[in-house]
Each structure stands twice: as C-alpha cells, then as structure tokens.
Amino acid sequence: MMKKIVYGLLLTIALGVGLTAEAKQTGSHWRRDRARYEQRLDHQRQRLALLHERLQEQRHERLLAQKQEQSTPKRERPRGNKQERMASMRERIRAEKRAYLIQHLELTEKEADGVMSILNELDEKRFQLWREGEALGGRVRKSDKTLTDEELNTFLEQSLSARIKEAELEKTYYLRCRTVLSVQKAVRLPHVCRAFARRFFEQHKH
C-alpha cells in the first residue's frame, strides 16, 4: 500500500515537472515570437516615417518650383510693378538655392554655376509639364460641381502620367549633373534640393 502511495506521488511530481518544463518552453517560444513581431513593427514604422519624410520633401520642392513658375512674368502682359516683383522673387529663390547648394554640398563657384544651369532647365521643363493640365487641375482643386465623370477620369490619368514624366525628367537632369559634380555630390543633390524647398517654405509661409 505504502509503495503505491509513494509511486503515485513520484508520478505526480514527474508529471508536474514535465508540464512545468513544457509551459516554460511554450512561454519562451511566445516571448521570442512576440519580440520578432515587435521588431518587424518597429521596422515598418521606421520605413513609413522615412517615406512620409521623403513625400513631404518632394511636395515642398514642387511648391517651390511652382512659386518660381508663378514668378515668371507673362510675355503678353505689360511689365509693371507686379511683374517686376514676381521676377525679383524668382531670382531671389534661385540665388538662395545656389547659396544653399554651395554650403551643403561644398560646391566651387564653377560647380555651382554648372549645376544651377541644369537645375533651372529642369524647372522650366517641370513648368511646361504642369501647365498641360492646369485648367482641369484648377477645377478639381476648387471642387467644381460641374465636373463630369469623364473629366475626372481624364484628370486622374493626366496627373498619374505627369508624375511618371516628372520622375523621368528628374532622372535625366540629375544624371546630367554628374558632368559638373563628383558622383558623391551628385548622389546627395536631389535630397539637398528637396531640403532647400522645405526650408524655404518654412521661412516664407506667412
């Protein structure tokens, strides 16, 4: 009888130890899986934050270029005080951009002259591209209630195509900058241009 009791106690202890070990192992797996999951989440958050930052930089650069385009006096209009102010603003933007590039890319005067010539040409191409859908785009931005579904579809197709064309323009002209800049400076150039646009609008948003 005593042997059966002792045997039963030993068996219970053994089972208890086994269950405890299994529980510990399960808990260890769960903690490891959770750590991996949290690591993946952190990685995704970092990627989203970086993407958001890049989109904001691109938006500021586009707004800056639009401001330059608006500062260009229309040839068919008589040149007056307003046109002079607009032309002056455009030259101011270009001068500040040139100084910013010299500072942040450590450009020589020759490099600055060469790269600004290319970037100014890029801006002109961008203006032409944006003007193509200007009328319809203005109606969309103003939430024109008379827009038809056909016009909205046209705007959607045009805006998506314009993004592709703009990216192709940037590729062409930024690669051209390698003819006047070292490859190290050329790699940094797009980011520095977007950073300037963001900085300019932060300083002149009021």
Protein backbone atom coordinates (compact mmCIF):
# COMPACT_ATOMS: atom_id res chain seq x y z
CA MET A 1 0.00 0.00 0.00
CA MET A 2 2.76 2.39 1.02
CA LYS A 3 4.63 1.58 -2.21
CA LYS A 4 1.57 2.53 -4.26
CA ILE A 5 1.24 5.84 -2.45
CA VAL A 6 4.94 6.64 -2.94
CA TYR A 7 4.74 5.61 -6.58
CA GLY A 8 1.69 7.84 -7.07
CA LEU A 9 3.46 10.80 -5.50
CA LEU A 10 6.53 10.28 -7.68
CA LEU A 11 4.36 10.02 -10.78
CA THR A 12 2.51 13.24 -9.88
CA ILE A 13 5.77 15.08 -9.29
CA ALA A 14 7.18 13.80 -12.56
CA LEU A 15 4.10 14.90 -14.47
CA GLY A 16 4.18 18.26 -12.76
CA VAL A 17 7.82 18.78 -13.68
CA GLY A 18 7.08 17.82 -17.28
CA LEU A 19 4.15 20.19 -17.53
CA THR A 20 6.17 22.99 -15.99
CA ALA A 21 9.01 22.45 -18.45
CA GLU A 22 6.55 22.38 -21.35
CA ALA A 23 4.91 25.56 -20.11
CA LYS A 24 8.26 27.26 -19.82
CA GLN A 25 9.19 26.17 -23.34
CA THR A 26 5.85 27.42 -24.69
CA GLY A 27 6.31 30.72 -22.89
CA SER A 28 9.81 31.04 -24.28
CA HIS A 29 8.54 30.49 -27.84
CA TRP A 30 5.75 33.02 -27.30
CA ARG A 31 8.15 35.66 -25.99
CA ARG A 32 10.52 35.06 -28.89
CA ASP A 33 7.71 35.28 -31.45
CA ARG A 34 6.40 38.43 -29.82
CA ALA A 35 9.85 40.03 -29.86
CA ARG A 36 10.19 39.24 -33.57
CA TYR A 37 6.73 40.65 -34.26
CA GLU A 38 7.51 43.86 -32.37
CA GLN A 39 10.82 44.14 -34.22
CA ARG A 40 9.02 43.85 -37.55
CA LEU A 41 6.52 46.50 -36.45
CA ASP A 42 9.32 48.88 -35.47
CA HIS A 43 10.96 48.30 -38.86
CA GLN A 44 7.70 49.05 -40.67
CA ARG A 45 7.17 52.21 -38.60
CA GLN A 46 10.66 53.42 -39.50
CA ARG A 47 10.04 52.77 -43.19
CA LEU A 48 6.71 54.63 -43.08
CA ALA A 49 8.30 57.57 -41.28
CA LEU A 50 11.08 57.74 -43.88
CA LEU A 51 8.57 57.51 -46.74
CA HIS A 52 6.46 60.28 -45.20
CA GLU A 53 9.53 62.49 -44.85
CA ARG A 54 10.52 61.94 -48.48
CA LEU A 55 6.99 62.70 -49.71
CA GLN A 56 6.96 65.92 -47.69
CA GLU A 57 10.33 66.93 -49.15
CA GLN A 58 9.09 66.27 -52.68
CA ARG A 59 5.92 68.28 -52.01
CA HIS A 60 7.92 71.27 -50.79
CA GLU A 61 10.23 71.09 -53.80
CA ARG A 62 7.25 71.06 -56.16
CA LEU A 63 5.63 74.01 -54.37
CA LEU A 64 8.88 75.93 -54.60
CA ALA A 65 9.15 75.26 -58.32
CA GLN A 66 5.52 76.33 -58.78
CA LYS A 67 6.27 79.55 -56.95
CA GLN A 68 9.17 80.16 -59.30
CA GLU A 69 6.90 79.50 -62.28
CA GLN A 70 4.31 81.94 -60.94
CA SER A 71 7.08 84.49 -60.53
CA THR A 72 7.81 84.38 -64.27
CA PRO A 73 6.26 87.45 -65.95
CA LYS A 74 3.85 86.67 -68.78
CA ARG A 75 5.19 87.90 -72.11
CA GLU A 76 1.80 89.01 -73.33
CA ARG A 77 1.27 91.25 -70.31
CA PRO A 78 2.86 94.69 -69.96
CA ARG A 79 5.71 94.63 -67.48
CA GLY A 80 4.70 96.55 -64.36
CA ASN A 81 5.34 96.60 -60.66
CA LYS A 82 3.67 93.23 -60.11
CA GLN A 83 5.71 91.54 -62.83
CA GLU A 84 8.88 93.13 -61.50
CA ARG A 85 8.17 91.82 -58.01
CA MET A 86 7.46 88.37 -59.39
CA ALA A 87 10.67 88.33 -61.43
CA SER A 88 12.58 89.58 -58.40
CA MET A 89 11.14 86.74 -56.28
CA ARG A 90 12.20 84.17 -58.85
CA GLU A 91 15.74 85.49 -58.89
CA ARG A 92 15.74 85.53 -55.10
CA ILE A 93 14.72 81.86 -54.97
CA ARG A 94 17.45 80.91 -57.42
CA ALA A 95 20.07 82.92 -55.54
CA GLU A 96 19.11 81.38 -52.19
CA LYS A 97 19.07 77.90 -53.72
CA ARG A 98 22.52 78.44 -55.21
CA ALA A 99 23.91 79.60 -51.86
CA TYR A 100 22.27 76.65 -50.09
CA LEU A 101 23.78 74.14 -52.53
CA ILE A 102 27.21 75.73 -52.20
CA GLN A 103 27.01 75.46 -48.41
CA HIS A 104 25.58 71.95 -48.07
CA LEU A 105 27.41 70.32 -50.98
CA GLU A 106 30.60 72.34 -50.61
CA LEU A 107 30.48 73.42 -54.25
CA THR A 108 33.03 75.58 -56.01
CA GLU A 109 31.77 78.60 -57.95
CA LYS A 110 32.28 76.69 -61.19
CA GLU A 111 30.31 73.69 -59.89
CA ALA A 112 27.52 75.97 -58.64
CA ASP A 113 27.23 77.73 -62.00
CA GLY A 114 27.13 74.41 -63.86
CA VAL A 115 24.61 72.68 -61.62
CA MET A 116 22.27 75.69 -61.40
CA SER A 117 22.18 75.91 -65.18
CA ILE A 118 20.98 72.30 -65.31
CA LEU A 119 18.51 72.68 -62.43
CA ASN A 120 17.00 75.84 -63.91
CA GLU A 121 16.41 73.96 -67.16
CA LEU A 122 14.80 71.14 -65.17
CA ASP A 123 12.44 73.65 -63.55
CA GLU A 124 11.43 75.04 -66.95
CA LYS A 125 10.56 71.54 -68.15
CA ARG A 126 8.53 70.97 -65.00
CA PHE A 127 6.58 74.19 -65.57
CA GLN A 128 5.69 73.11 -69.10
CA LEU A 129 4.54 69.74 -67.79
CA TRP A 130 2.34 71.25 -65.07
CA ARG A 131 0.79 73.78 -67.44
CA GLU A 132 -0.55 70.97 -69.63
CA GLY A 133 -3.25 70.06 -67.09
CA GLU A 134 -3.50 73.43 -65.37
CA ALA A 135 -7.07 74.30 -66.38
CA LEU A 136 -8.61 70.96 -65.44
CA GLY A 137 -6.46 70.66 -62.33
CA GLY A 138 -7.63 74.06 -61.11
CA ARG A 139 -11.26 73.00 -61.40
CA VAL A 140 -10.58 69.81 -59.46
CA ARG A 141 -8.78 71.69 -56.67
CA LYS A 142 -11.73 74.10 -56.41
CA SER A 143 -14.16 71.14 -56.21
CA ASP A 144 -16.06 72.30 -59.28
CA LYS A 145 -19.50 70.66 -59.10
CA THR A 146 -19.91 70.76 -62.88
CA LEU A 147 -17.05 68.29 -63.46
CA THR A 148 -18.22 65.18 -65.28
CA ASP A 149 -17.00 61.65 -64.60
CA GLU A 150 -15.21 61.73 -67.95
CA GLU A 151 -13.33 64.89 -66.95
CA LEU A 152 -12.41 63.42 -63.57
CA ASN A 153 -11.10 60.27 -65.24
CA THR A 154 -9.10 62.42 -67.65
CA PHE A 155 -7.63 64.37 -64.73
CA LEU A 156 -6.72 61.16 -62.91
CA GLU A 157 -4.94 59.73 -65.96
CA GLN A 158 -3.17 63.03 -66.67
CA SER A 159 -1.99 63.50 -63.10
CA LEU A 160 -0.62 59.96 -62.87
CA SER A 161 1.10 60.31 -66.24
CA ALA A 162 2.53 63.67 -65.14
CA ARG A 163 4.11 62.06 -62.08
CA ILE A 164 5.83 59.50 -64.28
CA LYS A 165 7.03 62.17 -66.70
CA GLU A 166 8.28 64.33 -63.85
CA ALA A 167 10.23 61.40 -62.42
CA GLU A 168 11.75 60.77 -65.85
CA LEU A 169 12.72 64.45 -66.10
CA GLU A 170 14.38 64.35 -62.69
CA LYS A 171 16.29 61.22 -63.67
CA THR A 172 17.52 62.81 -66.90
CA TYR A 173 18.60 66.12 -65.39
CA TYR A 174 20.00 64.84 -62.10
CA LEU A 175 22.13 62.38 -64.06
CA ARG A 176 23.32 65.27 -66.22
CA CYS A 177 24.62 66.92 -63.05
CA ARG A 178 27.33 64.25 -62.95
CA THR A 179 29.03 66.15 -65.76
CA VAL A 180 29.76 69.05 -63.39
CA LEU A 181 29.74 67.31 -59.97
CA SER A 182 31.55 64.37 -58.45
CA VAL A 183 29.36 61.28 -58.11
CA GLN A 184 29.35 61.73 -54.30
CA LYS A 185 27.88 65.23 -54.64
CA ALA A 186 25.51 64.15 -57.42
CA VAL A 187 24.06 61.43 -55.18
CA ARG A 188 23.30 63.97 -52.45
CA LEU A 189 21.96 66.65 -54.80
CA PRO A 190 18.26 65.56 -55.02
CA HIS A 191 17.96 65.33 -51.23
CA VAL A 192 19.63 68.73 -50.72
CA CYS A 193 17.30 70.32 -53.30
CA ARG A 194 14.23 68.97 -51.52
CA ALA A 195 15.63 70.08 -48.16
CA PHE A 196 16.08 73.61 -49.54
CA ALA A 197 12.49 73.68 -50.80
CA ARG A 198 11.20 72.60 -47.40
CA ARG A 199 13.36 75.17 -45.61
CA PHE A 200 12.35 77.99 -47.97
CA PHE A 201 8.64 77.41 -47.47
CA GLU A 202 9.02 77.12 -43.72
CA GLN A 203 10.70 80.52 -43.69
CA HIS A 204 8.27 82.20 -46.11
CA LYS A 205 4.96 80.50 -45.35
CA HIS A 206 3.46 83.63 -43.78
